[in-house]
Amino acid sequence: MPTSKSEIEARLALGQVTGPRALTVLMRRSCFMILAQALVAFVFLLRGRESPWNAAAP
């Protein structure tokens, strides 16, 4: 399994996972979530909702 604890530890030992690389992945994931909510909020805005950002929240 690619995300098992032993696999992650092996990658860390080989230097394949670095701090900046992991931080970049987390930042991109957060940006994607915000972008996805903004897209849904825009659809709600087009449909005439009063508060589209809140309507788009899960």
PDB file of N, CA and C in Angstrom:
ATOM      1  N   MET A   1       0.856  -1.176   0.000  1.00  0.00           N
ATOM      2  CA  MET A   1       0.000   0.000   0.000  1.00  0.00           C
ATOM      3  C   MET A   1       0.903   1.240   0.000  1.00  0.00           C
ATOM      4  N   PRO A   2       0.724   2.173  -0.944  1.00  0.00           N
ATOM      5  CA  PRO A   2       1.623   3.317  -1.068  1.00  0.00           C
ATOM      6  C   PRO A   2       1.554   4.315   0.088  1.00  0.00           C
ATOM      7  N   THR A   3       0.474   4.320   0.855  1.00  0.00           N
ATOM      8  CA  THR A   3       0.370   5.292   1.945  1.00  0.00           C
ATOM      9  C   THR A   3       0.454   4.633   3.315  1.00  0.00           C
ATOM     10  N   SER A   4       0.966   3.420   3.372  1.00  0.00           N
ATOM     11  CA  SER A   4       1.106   2.766   4.668  1.00  0.00           C
ATOM     12  C   SER A   4       2.254   3.420   5.447  1.00  0.00           C
ATOM     13  N   LYS A   5       2.222   3.259   6.738  1.00  0.00           N
ATOM     14  CA  LYS A   5       3.220   3.888   7.593  1.00  0.00           C
ATOM     15  C   LYS A   5       4.625   3.437   7.236  1.00  0.00           C
ATOM     16  N   SER A   6       4.801   2.159   6.954  1.00  0.00           N
ATOM     17  CA  SER A   6       6.138   1.653   6.619  1.00  0.00           C
ATOM     18  C   SER A   6       6.636   2.226   5.290  1.00  0.00           C
ATOM     19  N   GLU A   7       5.747   2.388   4.321  1.00  0.00           N
ATOM     20  CA  GLU A   7       6.131   2.976   3.034  1.00  0.00           C
ATOM     21  C   GLU A   7       6.529   4.432   3.194  1.00  0.00           C
ATOM     22  N   ILE A   8       5.779   5.163   3.989  1.00  0.00           N
ATOM     23  CA  ILE A   8       6.101   6.575   4.230  1.00  0.00           C
ATOM     24  C   ILE A   8       7.440   6.700   4.939  1.00  0.00           C
ATOM     25  N   GLU A   9       7.671   5.868   5.937  1.00  0.00           N
ATOM     26  CA  GLU A   9       8.942   5.901   6.651  1.00  0.00           C
ATOM     27  C   GLU A   9      10.102   5.550   5.732  1.00  0.00           C
ATOM     28  N   ALA A  10       9.899   4.601   4.821  1.00  0.00           N
ATOM     29  CA  ALA A  10      10.952   4.241   3.868  1.00  0.00           C
ATOM     30  C   ALA A  10      11.254   5.408   2.929  1.00  0.00           C
ATOM     31  N   ARG A  11      10.231   6.110   2.477  1.00  0.00           N
ATOM     32  CA  ARG A  11      10.453   7.272   1.601  1.00  0.00           C
ATOM     33  C   ARG A  11      11.170   8.396   2.344  1.00  0.00           C
ATOM     34  N   LEU A  12      10.802   8.585   3.611  1.00  0.00           N
ATOM     35  CA  LEU A  12      11.493   9.603   4.407  1.00  0.00           C
ATOM     36  C   LEU A  12      12.969   9.257   4.559  1.00  0.00           C
ATOM     37  N   ALA A  13      13.258   7.992   4.806  1.00  0.00           N
ATOM     38  CA  ALA A  13      14.644   7.557   4.977  1.00  0.00           C
ATOM     39  C   ALA A  13      15.450   7.748   3.694  1.00  0.00           C
ATOM     40  N   LEU A  14      14.821   7.570   2.544  1.00  0.00           N
ATOM     41  CA  LEU A  14      15.499   7.745   1.259  1.00  0.00           C
ATOM     42  C   LEU A  14      15.567   9.207   0.830  1.00  0.00           C
ATOM     43  N   GLY A  15      14.890  10.076   1.559  1.00  0.00           N
ATOM     44  CA  GLY A  15      14.895  11.497   1.211  1.00  0.00           C
ATOM     45  C   GLY A  15      13.946  11.853   0.087  1.00  0.00           C
ATOM     46  N   GLN A  16      12.986  10.998  -0.209  1.00  0.00           N
ATOM     47  CA  GLN A  16      12.040  11.250  -1.292  1.00  0.00           C
ATOM     48  C   GLN A  16      10.916  12.197  -0.868  1.00  0.00           C
ATOM     49  N   VAL A  17      10.682  12.314   0.427  1.00  0.00           N
ATOM     50  CA  VAL A  17       9.657  13.211   0.940  1.00  0.00           C
ATOM     51  C   VAL A  17      10.370  14.306   1.723  1.00  0.00           C
ATOM     52  N   THR A  18      10.193  15.538   1.275  1.00  0.00           N
ATOM     53  CA  THR A  18      10.830  16.654   1.961  1.00  0.00           C
ATOM     54  C   THR A  18       9.757  17.571   2.532  1.00  0.00           C
ATOM     55  N   GLY A  19      10.145  18.404   3.469  1.00  0.00           N
ATOM     56  CA  GLY A  19       9.213  19.323   4.105  1.00  0.00           C
ATOM     57  C   GLY A  19       8.524  20.259   3.115  1.00  0.00           C
ATOM     58  N   PRO A  20       9.290  20.960   2.266  1.00  0.00           N
ATOM     59  CA  PRO A  20       8.648  21.873   1.316  1.00  0.00           C
ATOM     60  C   PRO A  20       7.712  21.158   0.334  1.00  0.00           C
ATOM     61  N   ARG A  21       8.074  19.964  -0.051  1.00  0.00           N
ATOM     62  CA  ARG A  21       7.220  19.214  -0.987  1.00  0.00           C
ATOM     63  C   ARG A  21       5.888  18.847  -0.329  1.00  0.00           C
ATOM     64  N   ALA A  22       5.942  18.380   0.910  1.00  0.00           N
ATOM     65  CA  ALA A  22       4.716  18.029   1.631  1.00  0.00           C
ATOM     66  C   ALA A  22       3.864  19.271   1.879  1.00  0.00           C
ATOM     67  N   LEU A  23       4.501  20.387   2.193  1.00  0.00           N
ATOM     68  CA  LEU A  23       3.780  21.634   2.411  1.00  0.00           C
ATOM     69  C   LEU A  23       3.081  22.090   1.130  1.00  0.00           C
ATOM     70  N   THR A  24       3.750  21.925  -0.004  1.00  0.00           N
ATOM     71  CA  THR A  24       3.150  22.291  -1.284  1.00  0.00           C
ATOM     72  C   THR A  24       1.903  21.463  -1.563  1.00  0.00           C
ATOM     73  N   VAL A  25       1.956  20.184  -1.265  1.00  0.00           N
ATOM     74  CA  VAL A  25       0.794  19.318  -1.472  1.00  0.00           C
ATOM     75  C   VAL A  25      -0.368  19.774  -0.601  1.00  0.00           C
ATOM     76  N   LEU A  26      -0.100  20.087   0.661  1.00  0.00           N
ATOM     77  CA  LEU A  26      -1.157  20.543   1.560  1.00  0.00           C
ATOM     78  C   LEU A  26      -1.743  21.873   1.105  1.00  0.00           C
ATOM     79  N   MET A  27      -0.891  22.787   0.654  1.00  0.00           N
ATOM     80  CA  MET A  27      -1.370  24.091   0.192  1.00  0.00           C
ATOM     81  C   MET A  27      -2.235  23.937  -1.062  1.00  0.00           C
ATOM     82  N   ARG A  28      -1.806  23.105  -1.994  1.00  0.00           N
ATOM     83  CA  ARG A  28      -2.587  22.898  -3.222  1.00  0.00           C
ATOM     84  C   ARG A  28      -3.940  22.270  -2.902  1.00  0.00           C
ATOM     85  N   ARG A  29      -3.948  21.340  -1.977  1.00  0.00           N
ATOM     86  CA  ARG A  29      -5.205  20.691  -1.610  1.00  0.00           C
ATOM     87  C   ARG A  29      -6.172  21.699  -0.997  1.00  0.00           C
ATOM     88  N   SER A  30      -5.661  22.558  -0.131  1.00  0.00           N
ATOM     89  CA  SER A  30      -6.508  23.589   0.474  1.00  0.00           C
ATOM     90  C   SER A  30      -7.026  24.562  -0.577  1.00  0.00           C
ATOM     91  N   CYS A  31      -6.164  24.977  -1.481  1.00  0.00           N
ATOM     92  CA  CYS A  31      -6.578  25.897  -2.554  1.00  0.00           C
ATOM     93  C   CYS A  31      -7.635  25.255  -3.439  1.00  0.00           C
ATOM     94  N   PHE A  32      -7.495  23.965  -3.733  1.00  0.00           N
ATOM     95  CA  PHE A  32      -8.477  23.279  -4.556  1.00  0.00           C
ATOM     96  C   PHE A  32      -9.835  23.236  -3.863  1.00  0.00           C
ATOM     97  N   MET A  33      -9.843  23.011  -2.557  1.00  0.00           N
ATOM     98  CA  MET A  33     -11.116  22.964  -1.822  1.00  0.00           C
ATOM     99  C   MET A  33     -11.811  24.329  -1.852  1.00  0.00           C
ATOM    100  N   ILE A  34     -11.033  25.392  -1.663  1.00  0.00           N
ATOM    101  CA  ILE A  34     -11.610  26.731  -1.695  1.00  0.00           C
ATOM    102  C   ILE A  34     -12.109  27.065  -3.094  1.00  0.00           C
ATOM    103  N   LEU A  35     -11.347  26.699  -4.107  1.00  0.00           N
ATOM    104  CA  LEU A  35     -11.762  26.932  -5.491  1.00  0.00           C
ATOM    105  C   LEU A  35     -13.037  26.169  -5.826  1.00  0.00           C
ATOM    106  N   ALA A  36     -13.153  24.937  -5.363  1.00  0.00           N
ATOM    107  CA  ALA A  36     -14.356  24.145  -5.611  1.00  0.00           C
ATOM    108  C   ALA A  36     -15.565  24.788  -4.942  1.00  0.00           C
ATOM    109  N   GLN A  37     -15.405  25.269  -3.713  1.00  0.00           N
ATOM    110  CA  GLN A  37     -16.526  25.925  -3.040  1.00  0.00           C
ATOM    111  C   GLN A  37     -16.887  27.227  -3.746  1.00  0.00           C
ATOM    112  N   ALA A  38     -15.894  27.956  -4.226  1.00  0.00           N
ATOM    113  CA  ALA A  38     -16.161  29.207  -4.937  1.00  0.00           C
ATOM    114  C   ALA A  38     -16.937  28.946  -6.226  1.00  0.00           C
ATOM    115  N   LEU A  39     -16.613  27.861  -6.904  1.00  0.00           N
ATOM    116  CA  LEU A  39     -17.334  27.513  -8.128  1.00  0.00           C
ATOM    117  C   LEU A  39     -18.795  27.196  -7.831  1.00  0.00           C
ATOM    118  N   VAL A  40     -19.040  26.433  -6.787  1.00  0.00           N
ATOM    119  CA  VAL A  40     -20.416  26.110  -6.401  1.00  0.00           C
ATOM    120  C   VAL A  40     -21.138  27.370  -5.934  1.00  0.00           C
ATOM    121  N   ALA A  41     -20.439  28.250  -5.212  1.00  0.00           N
ATOM    122  CA  ALA A  41     -21.040  29.508  -4.761  1.00  0.00           C
ATOM    123  C   ALA A  41     -21.411  30.373  -5.957  1.00  0.00           C
ATOM    124  N   PHE A  42     -20.591  30.362  -6.990  1.00  0.00           N
ATOM    125  CA  PHE A  42     -20.904  31.135  -8.198  1.00  0.00           C
ATOM    126  C   PHE A  42     -22.180  30.625  -8.863  1.00  0.00           C
ATOM    127  N   VAL A  43     -22.345  29.317  -8.875  1.00  0.00           N
ATOM    128  CA  VAL A  43     -23.578  28.744  -9.434  1.00  0.00           C
ATOM    129  C   VAL A  43     -24.780  29.197  -8.613  1.00  0.00           C
ATOM    130  N   PHE A  44     -24.648  29.170  -7.290  1.00  0.00           N
ATOM    131  CA  PHE A  44     -25.738  29.644  -6.437  1.00  0.00           C
ATOM    132  C   PHE A  44     -25.997  31.133  -6.648  1.00  0.00           C
ATOM    133  N   LEU A  45     -24.953  31.910  -6.888  1.00  0.00           N
ATOM    134  CA  LEU A  45     -25.109  33.333  -7.166  1.00  0.00           C
ATOM    135  C   LEU A  45     -25.918  33.541  -8.443  1.00  0.00           C
ATOM    136  N   LEU A  46     -25.608  32.755  -9.449  1.00  0.00           N
ATOM    137  CA  LEU A  46     -26.351  32.854 -10.712  1.00  0.00           C
ATOM    138  C   LEU A  46     -27.821  32.452 -10.545  1.00  0.00           C
ATOM    139  N   ARG A  47     -28.079  31.577  -9.588  1.00  0.00           N
ATOM    140  CA  ARG A  47     -29.460  31.142  -9.350  1.00  0.00           C
ATOM    141  C   ARG A  47     -30.210  32.076  -8.412  1.00  0.00           C
ATOM    142  N   GLY A  48     -29.539  33.148  -7.915  1.00  0.00           N
ATOM    143  CA  GLY A  48     -30.205  34.173  -7.140  1.00  0.00           C
ATOM    144  C   GLY A  48     -30.247  33.957  -5.641  1.00  0.00           C
ATOM    145  N   ARG A  49     -29.381  33.141  -5.095  1.00  0.00           N
ATOM    146  CA  ARG A  49     -29.348  32.954  -3.640  1.00  0.00           C
ATOM    147  C   ARG A  49     -28.870  34.228  -2.953  1.00  0.00           C
ATOM    148  N   GLU A  50     -29.365  34.483  -1.731  1.00  0.00           N
ATOM    149  CA  GLU A  50     -28.954  35.664  -0.972  1.00  0.00           C
ATOM    150  C   GLU A  50     -27.505  35.572  -0.499  1.00  0.00           C
ATOM    151  N   SER A  51     -27.132  34.440   0.015  1.00  0.00           N
ATOM    152  CA  SER A  51     -25.754  34.258   0.486  1.00  0.00           C
ATOM    153  C   SER A  51     -25.174  32.992  -0.162  1.00  0.00           C
ATOM    154  N   PRO A  52     -24.652  33.113  -1.371  1.00  0.00           N
ATOM    155  CA  PRO A  52     -24.188  31.931  -2.102  1.00  0.00           C
ATOM    156  C   PRO A  52     -23.010  31.216  -1.444  1.00  0.00           C
ATOM    157  N   TRP A  53     -22.137  31.956  -0.765  1.00  0.00           N
ATOM    158  CA  TRP A  53     -20.978  31.302  -0.130  1.00  0.00           C
ATOM    159  C   TRP A  53     -21.453  30.354   0.971  1.00  0.00           C
ATOM    160  N   ASN A  54     -22.402  30.816   1.776  1.00  0.00           N
ATOM    161  CA  ASN A  54     -22.932  29.958   2.841  1.00  0.00           C
ATOM    162  C   ASN A  54     -23.749  28.810   2.270  1.00  0.00           C
ATOM    163  N   ALA A  55     -24.452  29.032   1.181  1.00  0.00           N
ATOM    164  CA  ALA A  55     -25.228  27.969   0.560  1.00  0.00           C
ATOM    165  C   ALA A  55     -24.326  26.882  -0.022  1.00  0.00           C
ATOM    166  N   ALA A  56     -23.109  27.266  -0.421  1.00  0.00           N
ATOM    167  CA  ALA A  56     -22.183  26.297  -1.018  1.00  0.00           C
ATOM    168  C   ALA A  56     -21.448  25.475   0.027  1.00  0.00           C
ATOM    169  N   ALA A  57     -21.494  25.891   1.282  1.00  0.00           N
ATOM    170  CA  ALA A  57     -20.788  25.163   2.334  1.00  0.00           C
ATOM    171  C   ALA A  57     -21.436  23.799   2.565  1.00  0.00           C
ATOM    172  N   PRO A  58     -20.581  22.788   2.810  1.00  0.00           N
ATOM    173  CA  PRO A  58     -21.152  21.440   3.033  1.00  0.00           C
ATOM    174  C   PRO A  58     -21.913  21.314   4.317  1.00  0.00           C
TER     175      PRO A  58
END
